Amino acid sequence: MTLDTISAPSLRAITGDDLPFLFRVYASTRQEELAPVPWTDEQKEAFLRQQFEAQHAWWQEHYTGASFDVVLVAGKPAGRLYVDEWRDEIRIVDIALLPEYRGAGLGARLVRDVLARGDAAGKPVSIHVERANPALRLYERLGFRLVEDKGVYLLMSRPARG
């Protein structure tokens, strides 16, 4: 799949009915990490469910003003984009796509849209990125710079432009 074959994404607020899909997106981001772990598929799924549920609950509790959206491509769920806008900053809480939508420019398009919001509002955009996340290079290309090294996670920010 290439950016040319992907229609413009749209967003819609998540609902309780989206939880199985959101779990699938989350699990897909952890497959490579868990591949060498000597657990059964059932053990891996149980672990991932517990992690997903804890993460989802934490975000819902701590980002009460955030927009929690499903990314749609041609009307089909393709990923998730969670964004919180504060007084002085816009935070990309999470962005994740199903494997078949990765690497085609869709994530970059979504991040650029958030950056445009930040520019229009005169606010920097920030994101926490796992140190080993392949998207780290994308964020750097889009102008994000390291603000704080938090061990496994890096806090990155891109100042407002324009």
C-alpha atoms as a PDB file:
ATOM      1  CA  MET A   1       0.000   0.000   0.000  1.00  0.00           C
ATOM      2  CA  THR A   2       1.308   3.451  -0.873  1.00  0.00           C
ATOM      3  CA  LEU A   3       0.183   6.923   0.073  1.00  0.00           C
ATOM      4  CA  ASP A   4      -1.275   7.277  -3.435  1.00  0.00           C
ATOM      5  CA  THR A   5      -3.554   4.283  -2.840  1.00  0.00           C
ATOM      6  CA  ILE A   6      -4.663   5.456   0.604  1.00  0.00           C
ATOM      7  CA  SER A   7      -7.590   7.840   0.663  1.00  0.00           C
ATOM      8  CA  ALA A   8      -7.476  10.787   3.024  1.00  0.00           C
ATOM      9  CA  PRO A   9      -7.936   9.523   6.553  1.00  0.00           C
ATOM     10  CA  SER A  10     -10.812  10.594   8.728  1.00  0.00           C
ATOM     11  CA  LEU A  11     -11.260  10.362  12.462  1.00  0.00           C
ATOM     12  CA  ARG A  12     -14.158   9.396  14.676  1.00  0.00           C
ATOM     13  CA  ALA A  13     -14.390   9.189  18.438  1.00  0.00           C
ATOM     14  CA  ILE A  14     -13.859   5.750  19.911  1.00  0.00           C
ATOM     15  CA  THR A  15     -16.760   3.914  21.520  1.00  0.00           C
ATOM     16  CA  GLY A  16     -16.958   0.849  23.715  1.00  0.00           C
ATOM     17  CA  ASP A  17     -17.665  -1.165  20.574  1.00  0.00           C
ATOM     18  CA  ASP A  18     -14.166  -0.262  19.317  1.00  0.00           C
ATOM     19  CA  LEU A  19     -12.315  -1.964  22.182  1.00  0.00           C
ATOM     20  CA  PRO A  20     -11.697  -5.247  20.291  1.00  0.00           C
ATOM     21  CA  PHE A  21     -10.292  -3.288  17.340  1.00  0.00           C
ATOM     22  CA  LEU A  22      -8.196  -1.053  19.613  1.00  0.00           C
ATOM     23  CA  PHE A  23      -6.818  -4.162  21.307  1.00  0.00           C
ATOM     24  CA  ARG A  24      -5.874  -5.568  17.901  1.00  0.00           C
ATOM     25  CA  VAL A  25      -4.027  -2.337  17.039  1.00  0.00           C
ATOM     26  CA  TYR A  26      -2.214  -2.396  20.391  1.00  0.00           C
ATOM     27  CA  ALA A  27      -1.295  -6.085  20.075  1.00  0.00           C
ATOM     28  CA  SER A  28       0.075  -5.503  16.574  1.00  0.00           C
ATOM     29  CA  THR A  29       2.518  -2.926  17.965  1.00  0.00           C
ATOM     30  CA  ARG A  30       3.913  -5.471  20.433  1.00  0.00           C
ATOM     31  CA  GLN A  31       4.226  -8.554  18.166  1.00  0.00           C
ATOM     32  CA  GLU A  32       7.882  -8.120  17.328  1.00  0.00           C
ATOM     33  CA  GLU A  33       8.792  -7.444  20.955  1.00  0.00           C
ATOM     34  CA  LEU A  34       6.999 -10.577  22.180  1.00  0.00           C
ATOM     35  CA  ALA A  35       8.094 -12.893  19.351  1.00  0.00           C
ATOM     36  CA  PRO A  36      11.150 -14.266  21.214  1.00  0.00           C
ATOM     37  CA  VAL A  37       9.293 -14.681  24.522  1.00  0.00           C
ATOM     38  CA  PRO A  38       8.777 -18.417  25.203  1.00  0.00           C
ATOM     39  CA  TRP A  39       5.086 -18.127  26.063  1.00  0.00           C
ATOM     40  CA  THR A  40       2.163 -19.824  24.410  1.00  0.00           C
ATOM     41  CA  ASP A  41      -0.074 -17.741  22.158  1.00  0.00           C
ATOM     42  CA  GLU A  42      -2.693 -17.819  24.927  1.00  0.00           C
ATOM     43  CA  GLN A  43      -0.203 -16.490  27.485  1.00  0.00           C
ATOM     44  CA  LYS A  44       0.890 -13.728  25.140  1.00  0.00           C
ATOM     45  CA  GLU A  45      -2.716 -12.749  24.455  1.00  0.00           C
ATOM     46  CA  ALA A  46      -3.543 -12.690  28.186  1.00  0.00           C
ATOM     47  CA  PHE A  47      -0.490 -10.512  28.863  1.00  0.00           C
ATOM     48  CA  LEU A  48      -1.365  -8.149  26.008  1.00  0.00           C
ATOM     49  CA  ARG A  49      -4.989  -7.868  27.142  1.00  0.00           C
ATOM     50  CA  GLN A  50      -3.910  -6.985  30.670  1.00  0.00           C
ATOM     51  CA  GLN A  51      -1.443  -4.390  29.348  1.00  0.00           C
ATOM     52  CA  PHE A  52      -3.973  -2.925  26.906  1.00  0.00           C
ATOM     53  CA  GLU A  53      -6.704  -2.649  29.535  1.00  0.00           C
ATOM     54  CA  ALA A  54      -4.341  -0.972  32.018  1.00  0.00           C
ATOM     55  CA  GLN A  55      -3.060   1.454  29.369  1.00  0.00           C
ATOM     56  CA  HIS A  56      -6.557   2.274  28.121  1.00  0.00           C
ATOM     57  CA  ALA A  57      -7.862   2.893  31.654  1.00  0.00           C
ATOM     58  CA  TRP A  58      -4.838   5.037  32.564  1.00  0.00           C
ATOM     59  CA  TRP A  59      -5.206   7.210  29.475  1.00  0.00           C
ATOM     60  CA  GLN A  60      -8.951   7.640  30.027  1.00  0.00           C
ATOM     61  CA  GLU A  61      -8.288   8.713  33.627  1.00  0.00           C
ATOM     62  CA  HIS A  62      -5.293  10.995  33.033  1.00  0.00           C
ATOM     63  CA  TYR A  63      -6.169  12.570  29.668  1.00  0.00           C
ATOM     64  CA  THR A  64      -9.754  13.539  30.393  1.00  0.00           C
ATOM     65  CA  GLY A  65      -9.829  16.295  27.763  1.00  0.00           C
ATOM     66  CA  ALA A  66      -8.238  14.243  25.002  1.00  0.00           C
ATOM     67  CA  SER A  67      -9.773  13.221  21.717  1.00  0.00           C
ATOM     68  CA  PHE A  68      -9.565   9.433  21.458  1.00  0.00           C
ATOM     69  CA  ASP A  69     -10.144   8.664  17.789  1.00  0.00           C
ATOM     70  CA  VAL A  70     -10.200   5.703  15.458  1.00  0.00           C
ATOM     71  CA  VAL A  71      -8.348   6.447  12.220  1.00  0.00           C
ATOM     72  CA  LEU A  72     -10.497   5.503   9.235  1.00  0.00           C
ATOM     73  CA  VAL A  73      -9.239   4.938   5.688  1.00  0.00           C
ATOM     74  CA  ALA A  74     -11.985   4.587   3.082  1.00  0.00           C
ATOM     75  CA  GLY A  75     -14.356   4.060   6.003  1.00  0.00           C
ATOM     76  CA  LYS A  76     -12.361   1.135   7.427  1.00  0.00           C
ATOM     77  CA  PRO A  77     -10.648   1.262  10.833  1.00  0.00           C
ATOM     78  CA  ALA A  78      -6.889   1.546  10.290  1.00  0.00           C
ATOM     79  CA  GLY A  79      -5.531   2.707  13.642  1.00  0.00           C
ATOM     80  CA  ARG A  80      -5.887   5.056  16.553  1.00  0.00           C
ATOM     81  CA  LEU A  81      -4.921   8.659  17.222  1.00  0.00           C
ATOM     82  CA  TYR A  82      -5.195  10.083  20.722  1.00  0.00           C
ATOM     83  CA  VAL A  83      -4.486  13.806  21.136  1.00  0.00           C
ATOM     84  CA  ASP A  84      -4.821  16.115  24.126  1.00  0.00           C
ATOM     85  CA  GLU A  85      -4.723  19.892  23.765  1.00  0.00           C
ATOM     86  CA  TRP A  86      -3.610  21.822  26.807  1.00  0.00           C
ATOM     87  CA  ARG A  87      -3.293  25.550  27.386  1.00  0.00           C
ATOM     88  CA  ASP A  88       0.355  25.709  26.250  1.00  0.00           C
ATOM     89  CA  GLU A  89       0.899  22.473  24.318  1.00  0.00           C
ATOM     90  CA  ILE A  90      -0.677  19.765  22.192  1.00  0.00           C
ATOM     91  CA  ARG A  91       0.272  16.222  23.193  1.00  0.00           C
ATOM     92  CA  ILE A  92       0.039  13.265  20.859  1.00  0.00           C
ATOM     93  CA  VAL A  93      -0.860  10.705  23.502  1.00  0.00           C
ATOM     94  CA  ASP A  94      -0.707   7.826  21.040  1.00  0.00           C
ATOM     95  CA  ILE A  95      -0.670   7.071  17.352  1.00  0.00           C
ATOM     96  CA  ALA A  96      -0.704   3.487  16.095  1.00  0.00           C
ATOM     97  CA  LEU A  97      -1.697   1.860  12.822  1.00  0.00           C
ATOM     98  CA  LEU A  98      -2.411  -1.705  11.821  1.00  0.00           C
ATOM     99  CA  PRO A  99       0.589  -3.258  10.021  1.00  0.00           C
ATOM    100  CA  GLU A 100      -1.030  -3.066   6.587  1.00  0.00           C
ATOM    101  CA  TYR A 101      -1.276   0.737   6.921  1.00  0.00           C
ATOM    102  CA  ARG A 102       2.281   1.341   8.135  1.00  0.00           C
ATOM    103  CA  GLY A 103       5.085   2.635   5.967  1.00  0.00           C
ATOM    104  CA  ALA A 104       2.871   4.301   3.377  1.00  0.00           C
ATOM    105  CA  GLY A 105       2.902   7.843   4.766  1.00  0.00           C
ATOM    106  CA  LEU A 106      -0.412   7.672   6.612  1.00  0.00           C
ATOM    107  CA  GLY A 107       1.175   8.170  10.044  1.00  0.00           C
ATOM    108  CA  ALA A 108       3.178  11.122   8.741  1.00  0.00           C
ATOM    109  CA  ARG A 109       0.005  12.649   7.301  1.00  0.00           C
ATOM    110  CA  LEU A 110      -1.774  12.299  10.657  1.00  0.00           C
ATOM    111  CA  VAL A 111       1.153  13.807  12.585  1.00  0.00           C
ATOM    112  CA  ARG A 112       1.406  16.687  10.085  1.00  0.00           C
ATOM    113  CA  ASP A 113      -2.279  17.423  10.664  1.00  0.00           C
ATOM    114  CA  VAL A 114      -1.640  17.659  14.425  1.00  0.00           C
ATOM    115  CA  LEU A 115       1.425  19.841  13.776  1.00  0.00           C
ATOM    116  CA  ALA A 116      -0.721  22.150  11.639  1.00  0.00           C
ATOM    117  CA  ARG A 117      -3.148  22.476  14.573  1.00  0.00           C
ATOM    118  CA  GLY A 118      -0.226  23.352  16.818  1.00  0.00           C
ATOM    119  CA  ASP A 119       1.077  25.917  14.345  1.00  0.00           C
ATOM    120  CA  ALA A 120      -2.371  27.515  13.989  1.00  0.00           C
ATOM    121  CA  ALA A 121      -2.738  27.710  17.774  1.00  0.00           C
ATOM    122  CA  GLY A 122       0.870  28.813  18.367  1.00  0.00           C
ATOM    123  CA  LYS A 123       1.510  25.711  20.494  1.00  0.00           C
ATOM    124  CA  PRO A 124       4.293  23.146  20.425  1.00  0.00           C
ATOM    125  CA  VAL A 125       3.355  19.513  19.807  1.00  0.00           C
ATOM    126  CA  SER A 126       4.885  16.817  21.997  1.00  0.00           C
ATOM    127  CA  ILE A 127       4.935  13.025  22.083  1.00  0.00           C
ATOM    128  CA  HIS A 128       6.460  10.260  24.193  1.00  0.00           C
ATOM    129  CA  VAL A 129       8.266   7.757  21.963  1.00  0.00           C
ATOM    130  CA  GLU A 130       9.766   4.429  22.921  1.00  0.00           C
ATOM    131  CA  ARG A 131      13.493   4.551  22.293  1.00  0.00           C
ATOM    132  CA  ALA A 132      13.321   1.540  19.925  1.00  0.00           C
ATOM    133  CA  ASN A 133      10.242   2.729  18.003  1.00  0.00           C
ATOM    134  CA  PRO A 134      10.971   2.833  14.241  1.00  0.00           C
ATOM    135  CA  ALA A 135       8.761   5.951  14.009  1.00  0.00           C
ATOM    136  CA  LEU A 136      11.389   7.885  15.969  1.00  0.00           C
ATOM    137  CA  ARG A 137      13.108   8.750  12.670  1.00  0.00           C
ATOM    138  CA  LEU A 138       9.810  10.064  11.278  1.00  0.00           C
ATOM    139  CA  TYR A 139       9.322  12.356  14.265  1.00  0.00           C
ATOM    140  CA  GLU A 140      12.861  13.678  13.890  1.00  0.00           C
ATOM    141  CA  ARG A 141      12.266  14.356  10.161  1.00  0.00           C
ATOM    142  CA  LEU A 142       9.105  16.262  11.100  1.00  0.00           C
ATOM    143  CA  GLY A 143      11.103  18.534  13.425  1.00  0.00           C
ATOM    144  CA  PHE A 144      10.615  16.887  16.816  1.00  0.00           C
ATOM    145  CA  ARG A 145      13.607  17.184  19.138  1.00  0.00           C
ATOM    146  CA  LEU A 146      14.471  15.474  22.402  1.00  0.00           C
ATOM    147  CA  VAL A 147      13.205  17.325  25.457  1.00  0.00           C
ATOM    148  CA  GLU A 148      13.761  14.673  28.124  1.00  0.00           C
ATOM    149  CA  ASP A 149      15.196  11.167  28.208  1.00  0.00           C
ATOM    150  CA  LYS A 150      12.934   9.095  30.452  1.00  0.00           C
ATOM    151  CA  GLY A 151      14.749   5.785  30.025  1.00  0.00           C
ATOM    152  CA  VAL A 152      12.582   3.605  27.818  1.00  0.00           C
ATOM    153  CA  TYR A 153      10.654   6.656  26.601  1.00  0.00           C
ATOM    154  CA  LEU A 154      11.851   9.886  25.064  1.00  0.00           C
ATOM    155  CA  LEU A 155       9.783  13.039  25.405  1.00  0.00           C
ATOM    156  CA  MET A 156      10.033  14.887  22.103  1.00  0.00           C
ATOM    157  CA  SER A 157       8.597  18.227  21.075  1.00  0.00           C
ATOM    158  CA  ARG A 158       8.254  20.311  17.930  1.00  0.00           C
ATOM    159  CA  PRO A 159       7.803  24.073  18.449  1.00  0.00           C
ATOM    160  CA  ALA A 160       4.990  25.929  16.725  1.00  0.00           C
ATOM    161  CA  ARG A 161       5.931  27.452  13.402  1.00  0.00           C
ATOM    162  CA  GLY A 162       4.577  30.332  11.507  1.00  0.00           C
END
